[in-house]
PDB file of all heavy atoms in Angstrom:
ATOM      1  N   LYS A   1       4.701  11.181  -5.756  1.00  0.00           N
ATOM      2  CA  LYS A   1       5.887  10.293  -5.805  1.00  0.00           C
ATOM      3  C   LYS A   1       5.974   9.246  -4.711  1.00  0.00           C
ATOM      4  O   LYS A   1       6.600   8.206  -4.866  1.00  0.00           O
ATOM      5  CB  LYS A   1       7.205  11.089  -5.791  1.00  0.00           C
ATOM      6  CG  LYS A   1       7.213  12.202  -6.798  1.00  0.00           C
ATOM      7  CD  LYS A   1       7.086  11.631  -8.219  1.00  0.00           C
ATOM      8  CE  LYS A   1       7.238  12.711  -9.256  1.00  0.00           C
ATOM      9  NZ  LYS A   1       6.955  12.274 -10.656  1.00  0.00           N
ATOM     10  N   GLN A   2       5.295   9.468  -3.568  1.00  0.00           N
ATOM     11  CA  GLN A   2       5.451   8.646  -2.378  1.00  0.00           C
ATOM     12  C   GLN A   2       4.059   8.602  -1.632  1.00  0.00           C
ATOM     13  O   GLN A   2       3.456   9.736  -1.450  1.00  0.00           O
ATOM     14  CB  GLN A   2       6.457   9.153  -1.441  1.00  0.00           C
ATOM     15  CG  GLN A   2       6.604   8.551  -0.111  1.00  0.00           C
ATOM     16  CD  GLN A   2       7.333   7.188  -0.193  1.00  0.00           C
ATOM     17  OE1 GLN A   2       8.410   7.211  -0.736  1.00  0.00           O
ATOM     18  NE2 GLN A   2       6.736   6.111   0.388  1.00  0.00           N
ATOM     19  N   VAL A   3       3.606   7.452  -1.299  1.00  0.00           N
ATOM     20  CA  VAL A   3       2.395   7.328  -0.392  1.00  0.00           C
ATOM     21  C   VAL A   3       2.827   6.603   0.827  1.00  0.00           C
ATOM     22  O   VAL A   3       3.314   5.496   0.821  1.00  0.00           O
ATOM     23  CB  VAL A   3       1.310   6.619  -1.143  1.00  0.00           C
ATOM     24  CG1 VAL A   3       0.142   6.315  -0.144  1.00  0.00           C
ATOM     25  CG2 VAL A   3       0.738   7.441  -2.345  1.00  0.00           C
ATOM     26  N   TYR A   4       2.463   7.209   1.990  1.00  0.00           N
ATOM     27  CA  TYR A   4       2.551   6.592   3.305  1.00  0.00           C
ATOM     28  C   TYR A   4       1.110   6.098   3.684  1.00  0.00           C
ATOM     29  O   TYR A   4       0.279   6.962   3.856  1.00  0.00           O
ATOM     30  CB  TYR A   4       3.050   7.599   4.366  1.00  0.00           C
ATOM     31  CG  TYR A   4       4.526   8.046   4.008  1.00  0.00           C
ATOM     32  CD1 TYR A   4       4.771   9.324   3.527  1.00  0.00           C
ATOM     33  CD2 TYR A   4       5.605   7.218   4.261  1.00  0.00           C
ATOM     34  CE1 TYR A   4       6.019   9.731   3.272  1.00  0.00           C
ATOM     35  CE2 TYR A   4       6.925   7.590   3.967  1.00  0.00           C
ATOM     36  CZ  TYR A   4       7.137   8.861   3.500  1.00  0.00           C
ATOM     37  OH  TYR A   4       8.375   9.369   3.196  1.00  0.00           O
ATOM     38  N   ALA A   5       1.050   4.783   3.755  1.00  0.00           N
ATOM     39  CA  ALA A   5      -0.322   4.164   3.875  1.00  0.00           C
ATOM     40  C   ALA A   5      -0.611   3.879   5.341  1.00  0.00           C
ATOM     41  O   ALA A   5       0.225   3.296   6.056  1.00  0.00           O
ATOM     42  CB  ALA A   5      -0.380   2.917   3.103  1.00  0.00           C
ATOM     43  N   VAL A   6      -1.791   4.310   5.781  1.00  0.00           N
ATOM     44  CA  VAL A   6      -2.326   4.020   7.137  1.00  0.00           C
ATOM     45  C   VAL A   6      -3.596   3.277   7.016  1.00  0.00           C
ATOM     46  O   VAL A   6      -4.514   3.779   6.371  1.00  0.00           O
ATOM     47  CB  VAL A   6      -2.471   5.339   7.904  1.00  0.00           C
ATOM     48  CG1 VAL A   6      -2.965   5.073   9.303  1.00  0.00           C
ATOM     49  CG2 VAL A   6      -1.211   6.106   7.929  1.00  0.00           C
ATOM     50  N   ASP A   7      -3.704   2.151   7.636  1.00  0.00           N
ATOM     51  CA  ASP A   7      -5.008   1.341   7.607  1.00  0.00           C
ATOM     52  C   ASP A   7      -5.020   0.312   8.756  1.00  0.00           C
ATOM     53  O   ASP A   7      -3.955  -0.382   8.885  1.00  0.00           O
ATOM     54  CB  ASP A   7      -5.204   0.708   6.245  1.00  0.00           C
ATOM     55  CG  ASP A   7      -6.637   0.298   6.063  1.00  0.00           C
ATOM     56  OD1 ASP A   7      -7.079  -0.727   6.581  1.00  0.00           O
ATOM     57  OD2 ASP A   7      -7.343   1.039   5.399  1.00  0.00           O
ATOM     58  N   PRO A   8      -6.061   0.172   9.437  1.00  0.00           N
ATOM     59  CA  PRO A   8      -6.116  -0.862  10.541  1.00  0.00           C
ATOM     60  C   PRO A   8      -6.355  -2.277  10.113  1.00  0.00           C
ATOM     61  O   PRO A   8      -6.046  -3.192  10.855  1.00  0.00           O
ATOM     62  CB  PRO A   8      -7.333  -0.384  11.336  1.00  0.00           C
ATOM     63  CG  PRO A   8      -8.209   0.292  10.293  1.00  0.00           C
ATOM     64  CD  PRO A   8      -7.376   0.966   9.387  1.00  0.00           C
ATOM     65  N   ALA A   9      -6.870  -2.441   8.828  1.00  0.00           N
ATOM     66  CA  ALA A   9      -7.118  -3.863   8.416  1.00  0.00           C
ATOM     67  C   ALA A   9      -5.978  -4.406   7.602  1.00  0.00           C
ATOM     68  O   ALA A   9      -5.710  -4.037   6.482  1.00  0.00           O
ATOM     69  CB  ALA A   9      -8.365  -3.876   7.556  1.00  0.00           C
ATOM     70  N   LEU A  10      -5.213  -5.374   8.210  1.00  0.00           N
ATOM     71  CA  LEU A  10      -4.046  -5.855   7.579  1.00  0.00           C
ATOM     72  C   LEU A  10      -4.391  -6.654   6.315  1.00  0.00           C
ATOM     73  O   LEU A  10      -3.470  -6.767   5.434  1.00  0.00           O
ATOM     74  CB  LEU A  10      -3.279  -6.766   8.580  1.00  0.00           C
ATOM     75  CG  LEU A  10      -2.734  -6.027   9.807  1.00  0.00           C
ATOM     76  CD1 LEU A  10      -2.003  -7.036  10.762  1.00  0.00           C
ATOM     77  CD2 LEU A  10      -1.771  -4.886   9.421  1.00  0.00           C
ATOM     78  N   VAL A  11      -5.565  -7.202   6.246  1.00  0.00           N
ATOM     79  CA  VAL A  11      -5.906  -7.927   5.012  1.00  0.00           C
ATOM     80  C   VAL A  11      -5.908  -7.026   3.817  1.00  0.00           C
ATOM     81  O   VAL A  11      -5.733  -7.412   2.665  1.00  0.00           O
ATOM     82  CB  VAL A  11      -7.290  -8.646   5.208  1.00  0.00           C
ATOM     83  CG1 VAL A  11      -8.431  -7.590   5.142  1.00  0.00           C
ATOM     84  CG2 VAL A  11      -7.490  -9.683   4.077  1.00  0.00           C
ATOM     85  N   GLY A  12      -6.075  -5.691   4.024  1.00  0.00           N
ATOM     86  CA  GLY A  12      -6.037  -4.688   2.972  1.00  0.00           C
ATOM     87  C   GLY A  12      -4.710  -4.847   2.237  1.00  0.00           C
ATOM     88  O   GLY A  12      -4.662  -4.546   0.984  1.00  0.00           O
ATOM     89  N   ARG A  13      -3.651  -5.100   2.896  1.00  0.00           N
ATOM     90  CA  ARG A  13      -2.361  -5.172   2.273  1.00  0.00           C
ATOM     91  C   ARG A  13      -2.337  -6.264   1.170  1.00  0.00           C
ATOM     92  O   ARG A  13      -1.728  -6.146   0.108  1.00  0.00           O
ATOM     93  CB  ARG A  13      -1.256  -5.414   3.254  1.00  0.00           C
ATOM     94  CG  ARG A  13      -1.156  -4.279   4.275  1.00  0.00           C
ATOM     95  CD  ARG A  13       0.105  -4.447   5.145  1.00  0.00           C
ATOM     96  NE  ARG A  13       0.129  -3.433   6.190  1.00  0.00           N
ATOM     97  CZ  ARG A  13       1.146  -3.177   7.004  1.00  0.00           C
ATOM     98  NH1 ARG A  13       2.300  -3.827   6.797  1.00  0.00           N
ATOM     99  NH2 ARG A  13       1.111  -2.323   7.933  1.00  0.00           N
ATOM    100  N   LYS A  14      -2.999  -7.371   1.481  1.00  0.00           N
ATOM    101  CA  LYS A  14      -3.028  -8.443   0.437  1.00  0.00           C
ATOM    102  C   LYS A  14      -3.918  -8.091  -0.727  1.00  0.00           C
ATOM    103  O   LYS A  14      -3.557  -8.366  -1.795  1.00  0.00           O
ATOM    104  CB  LYS A  14      -3.650  -9.740   1.147  1.00  0.00           C
ATOM    105  CG  LYS A  14      -2.765 -10.298   2.313  1.00  0.00           C
ATOM    106  CD  LYS A  14      -3.440 -11.561   2.886  1.00  0.00           C
ATOM    107  CE  LYS A  14      -2.637 -12.118   3.996  1.00  0.00           C
ATOM    108  NZ  LYS A  14      -3.275 -13.339   4.591  1.00  0.00           N
ATOM    109  N   LEU A  15      -4.997  -7.374  -0.399  1.00  0.00           N
ATOM    110  CA  LEU A  15      -5.901  -6.942  -1.479  1.00  0.00           C
ATOM    111  C   LEU A  15      -5.239  -5.842  -2.351  1.00  0.00           C
ATOM    112  O   LEU A  15      -5.567  -5.761  -3.550  1.00  0.00           O
ATOM    113  CB  LEU A  15      -7.186  -6.421  -0.902  1.00  0.00           C
ATOM    114  CG  LEU A  15      -8.048  -7.394  -0.128  1.00  0.00           C
ATOM    115  CD1 LEU A  15      -9.210  -6.637   0.474  1.00  0.00           C
ATOM    116  CD2 LEU A  15      -8.550  -8.517  -1.077  1.00  0.00           C
ATOM    117  N   ALA A  16      -4.328  -5.120  -1.731  1.00  0.00           N
ATOM    118  CA  ALA A  16      -3.656  -4.038  -2.422  1.00  0.00           C
ATOM    119  C   ALA A  16      -2.431  -4.464  -3.208  1.00  0.00           C
ATOM    120  O   ALA A  16      -1.879  -3.643  -4.032  1.00  0.00           O
ATOM    121  CB  ALA A  16      -3.258  -2.881  -1.403  1.00  0.00           C
ATOM    122  N   ALA A  17      -1.962  -5.660  -2.981  1.00  0.00           N
ATOM    123  CA  ALA A  17      -0.683  -6.048  -3.480  1.00  0.00           C
ATOM    124  C   ALA A  17      -0.501  -5.852  -4.980  1.00  0.00           C
ATOM    125  O   ALA A  17       0.562  -5.288  -5.438  1.00  0.00           O
ATOM    126  CB  ALA A  17      -0.390  -7.517  -3.132  1.00  0.00           C
ATOM    127  N   LYS A  18      -1.546  -6.229  -5.801  1.00  0.00           N
ATOM    128  CA  LYS A  18      -1.350  -6.031  -7.275  1.00  0.00           C
ATOM    129  C   LYS A  18      -1.391  -4.593  -7.645  1.00  0.00           C
ATOM    130  O   LYS A  18      -0.632  -4.180  -8.536  1.00  0.00           O
ATOM    131  CB  LYS A  18      -2.507  -6.844  -7.907  1.00  0.00           C
ATOM    132  CG  LYS A  18      -2.467  -8.284  -7.913  1.00  0.00           C
ATOM    133  CD  LYS A  18      -3.559  -8.984  -8.681  1.00  0.00           C
ATOM    134  CE  LYS A  18      -3.399 -10.427  -8.692  1.00  0.00           C
ATOM    135  NZ  LYS A  18      -4.517 -11.216  -9.400  1.00  0.00           N
ATOM    136  N   ARG A  19      -2.171  -3.813  -6.991  1.00  0.00           N
ATOM    137  CA  ARG A  19      -2.201  -2.375  -7.293  1.00  0.00           C
ATOM    138  C   ARG A  19      -0.872  -1.715  -6.919  1.00  0.00           C
ATOM    139  O   ARG A  19      -0.359  -0.871  -7.738  1.00  0.00           O
ATOM    140  CB  ARG A  19      -3.351  -1.650  -6.568  1.00  0.00           C
ATOM    141  CG  ARG A  19      -4.737  -2.080  -7.061  1.00  0.00           C
ATOM    142  CD  ARG A  19      -5.842  -1.305  -6.487  1.00  0.00           C
ATOM    143  NE  ARG A  19      -7.195  -1.648  -6.921  1.00  0.00           N
ATOM    144  CZ  ARG A  19      -8.077  -2.329  -6.309  1.00  0.00           C
ATOM    145  NH1 ARG A  19      -7.801  -2.686  -5.045  1.00  0.00           N
ATOM    146  NH2 ARG A  19      -9.194  -2.596  -6.835  1.00  0.00           N
ATOM    147  N   VAL A  20      -0.386  -2.063  -5.769  1.00  0.00           N
ATOM    148  CA  VAL A  20       1.027  -1.501  -5.383  1.00  0.00           C
ATOM    149  C   VAL A  20       2.048  -1.957  -6.363  1.00  0.00           C
ATOM    150  O   VAL A  20       2.932  -1.184  -6.785  1.00  0.00           O
ATOM    151  CB  VAL A  20       1.340  -1.954  -3.883  1.00  0.00           C
ATOM    152  CG1 VAL A  20       2.793  -1.679  -3.589  1.00  0.00           C
ATOM    153  CG2 VAL A  20       0.332  -1.439  -2.904  1.00  0.00           C
ATOM    154  N   ALA A  21       2.039  -3.204  -6.741  1.00  0.00           N
ATOM    155  CA  ALA A  21       3.106  -3.741  -7.690  1.00  0.00           C
ATOM    156  C   ALA A  21       3.030  -3.004  -9.052  1.00  0.00           C
ATOM    157  O   ALA A  21       4.012  -2.811  -9.700  1.00  0.00           O
ATOM    158  CB  ALA A  21       2.969  -5.156  -7.858  1.00  0.00           C
ATOM    159  N   ALA A  22       1.800  -2.637  -9.469  1.00  0.00           N
ATOM    160  CA  ALA A  22       1.558  -2.024 -10.799  1.00  0.00           C
ATOM    161  C   ALA A  22       1.775  -0.572 -10.784  1.00  0.00           C
ATOM    162  O   ALA A  22       1.795   0.078 -11.848  1.00  0.00           O
ATOM    163  CB  ALA A  22       0.199  -2.346 -11.267  1.00  0.00           C
ATOM    164  N   SER A  23       1.883   0.025  -9.583  1.00  0.00           N
ATOM    165  CA  SER A  23       1.986   1.540  -9.551  1.00  0.00           C
ATOM    166  C   SER A  23       3.430   2.016  -9.530  1.00  0.00           C
ATOM    167  O   SER A  23       4.325   1.411  -8.995  1.00  0.00           O
ATOM    168  CB  SER A  23       1.311   2.003  -8.206  1.00  0.00           C
ATOM    169  OG  SER A  23       1.476   3.376  -8.158  1.00  0.00           O
ATOM    170  N   PRO A  24       3.702   3.145 -10.282  1.00  0.00           N
ATOM    171  CA  PRO A  24       4.935   3.662 -10.241  1.00  0.00           C
ATOM    172  C   PRO A  24       5.264   4.510  -8.909  1.00  0.00           C
ATOM    173  O   PRO A  24       6.388   4.932  -8.682  1.00  0.00           O
ATOM    174  CB  PRO A  24       4.962   4.688 -11.427  1.00  0.00           C
ATOM    175  CG  PRO A  24       3.541   5.161 -11.481  1.00  0.00           C
ATOM    176  CD  PRO A  24       2.753   3.903 -11.149  1.00  0.00           C
ATOM    177  N   ILE A  25       4.268   4.654  -8.026  1.00  0.00           N
ATOM    178  CA  ILE A  25       4.379   5.398  -6.810  1.00  0.00           C
ATOM    179  C   ILE A  25       4.911   4.473  -5.748  1.00  0.00           C
ATOM    180  O   ILE A  25       4.429   3.274  -5.579  1.00  0.00           O
ATOM    181  CB  ILE A  25       3.002   5.877  -6.388  1.00  0.00           C
ATOM    182  CG1 ILE A  25       2.431   6.867  -7.478  1.00  0.00           C
ATOM    183  CG2 ILE A  25       3.143   6.629  -5.070  1.00  0.00           C
ATOM    184  CD1 ILE A  25       1.034   7.257  -7.227  1.00  0.00           C
ATOM    185  N   ALA A  26       5.855   4.863  -5.007  1.00  0.00           N
ATOM    186  CA  ALA A  26       6.389   4.097  -3.873  1.00  0.00           C
ATOM    187  C   ALA A  26       5.395   4.214  -2.709  1.00  0.00           C
ATOM    188  O   ALA A  26       4.866   5.200  -2.353  1.00  0.00           O
ATOM    189  CB  ALA A  26       7.742   4.716  -3.361  1.00  0.00           C
ATOM    190  N   VAL A  27       5.104   2.979  -2.204  1.00  0.00           N
ATOM    191  CA  VAL A  27       4.127   2.867  -1.121  1.00  0.00           C
ATOM    192  C   VAL A  27       4.777   2.297   0.117  1.00  0.00           C
ATOM    193  O   VAL A  27       5.414   1.191   0.080  1.00  0.00           O
ATOM    194  CB  VAL A  27       2.957   1.994  -1.504  1.00  0.00           C
ATOM    195  CG1 VAL A  27       2.020   1.788  -0.311  1.00  0.00           C
ATOM    196  CG2 VAL A  27       2.167   2.545  -2.687  1.00  0.00           C
ATOM    197  N   ASP A  28       4.729   2.955   1.296  1.00  0.00           N
ATOM    198  CA  ASP A  28       5.234   2.378   2.540  1.00  0.00           C
ATOM    199  C   ASP A  28       4.095   2.447   3.574  1.00  0.00           C
ATOM    200  O   ASP A  28       3.389   3.416   3.766  1.00  0.00           O
ATOM    201  CB  ASP A  28       6.330   3.396   3.095  1.00  0.00           C
ATOM    202  CG  ASP A  28       7.658   3.324   2.284  1.00  0.00           C
ATOM    203  OD1 ASP A  28       7.983   2.183   1.850  1.00  0.00           O
ATOM    204  OD2 ASP A  28       8.203   4.328   2.012  1.00  0.00           O
ATOM    205  N   TYR A  29       3.933   1.258   4.110  1.00  0.00           N
ATOM    206  CA  TYR A  29       2.915   1.155   5.268  1.00  0.00           C
ATOM    207  C   TYR A  29       3.526   1.676   6.474  1.00  0.00           C
ATOM    208  O   TYR A  29       4.596   1.166   6.966  1.00  0.00           O
ATOM    209  CB  TYR A  29       2.448  -0.322   5.394  1.00  0.00           C
ATOM    210  CG  TYR A  29       1.687  -0.823   4.251  1.00  0.00           C
ATOM    211  CD1 TYR A  29       2.251  -1.411   3.181  1.00  0.00           C
ATOM    212  CD2 TYR A  29       0.260  -0.577   4.243  1.00  0.00           C
ATOM    213  CE1 TYR A  29       1.510  -1.855   2.092  1.00  0.00           C
ATOM    214  CE2 TYR A  29      -0.442  -1.037   3.160  1.00  0.00           C
ATOM    215  CZ  TYR A  29       0.184  -1.707   2.140  1.00  0.00           C
ATOM    216  OH  TYR A  29      -0.585  -2.138   1.024  1.00  0.00           O
ATOM    217  N   VAL A  30       2.862   2.667   7.192  1.00  0.00           N
ATOM    218  CA  VAL A  30       3.493   3.303   8.331  1.00  0.00           C
ATOM    219  C   VAL A  30       2.619   3.226   9.550  1.00  0.00           C
ATOM    220  O   VAL A  30       3.125   3.671  10.636  1.00  0.00           O
ATOM    221  CB  VAL A  30       3.772   4.770   7.959  1.00  0.00           C
ATOM    222  CG1 VAL A  30       4.848   4.942   6.905  1.00  0.00           C
ATOM    223  CG2 VAL A  30       2.582   5.561   7.627  1.00  0.00           C
ATOM    224  N   GLY A  31       1.447   2.780   9.539  1.00  0.00           N
ATOM    225  CA  GLY A  31       0.625   2.728  10.700  1.00  0.00           C
ATOM    226  C   GLY A  31      -0.760   2.127  10.550  1.00  0.00           C
ATOM    227  O   GLY A  31      -1.145   1.867   9.402  1.00  0.00           O
TER     228      GLY A  31
END
């Protein structure tokens, strides 16, 4: 139901944007 995302490469957030928007799972970037 919830994913707390940890990743050092901030560009990953841009690459992930479409997948995050299409997913029913809540994603929060935490570190």
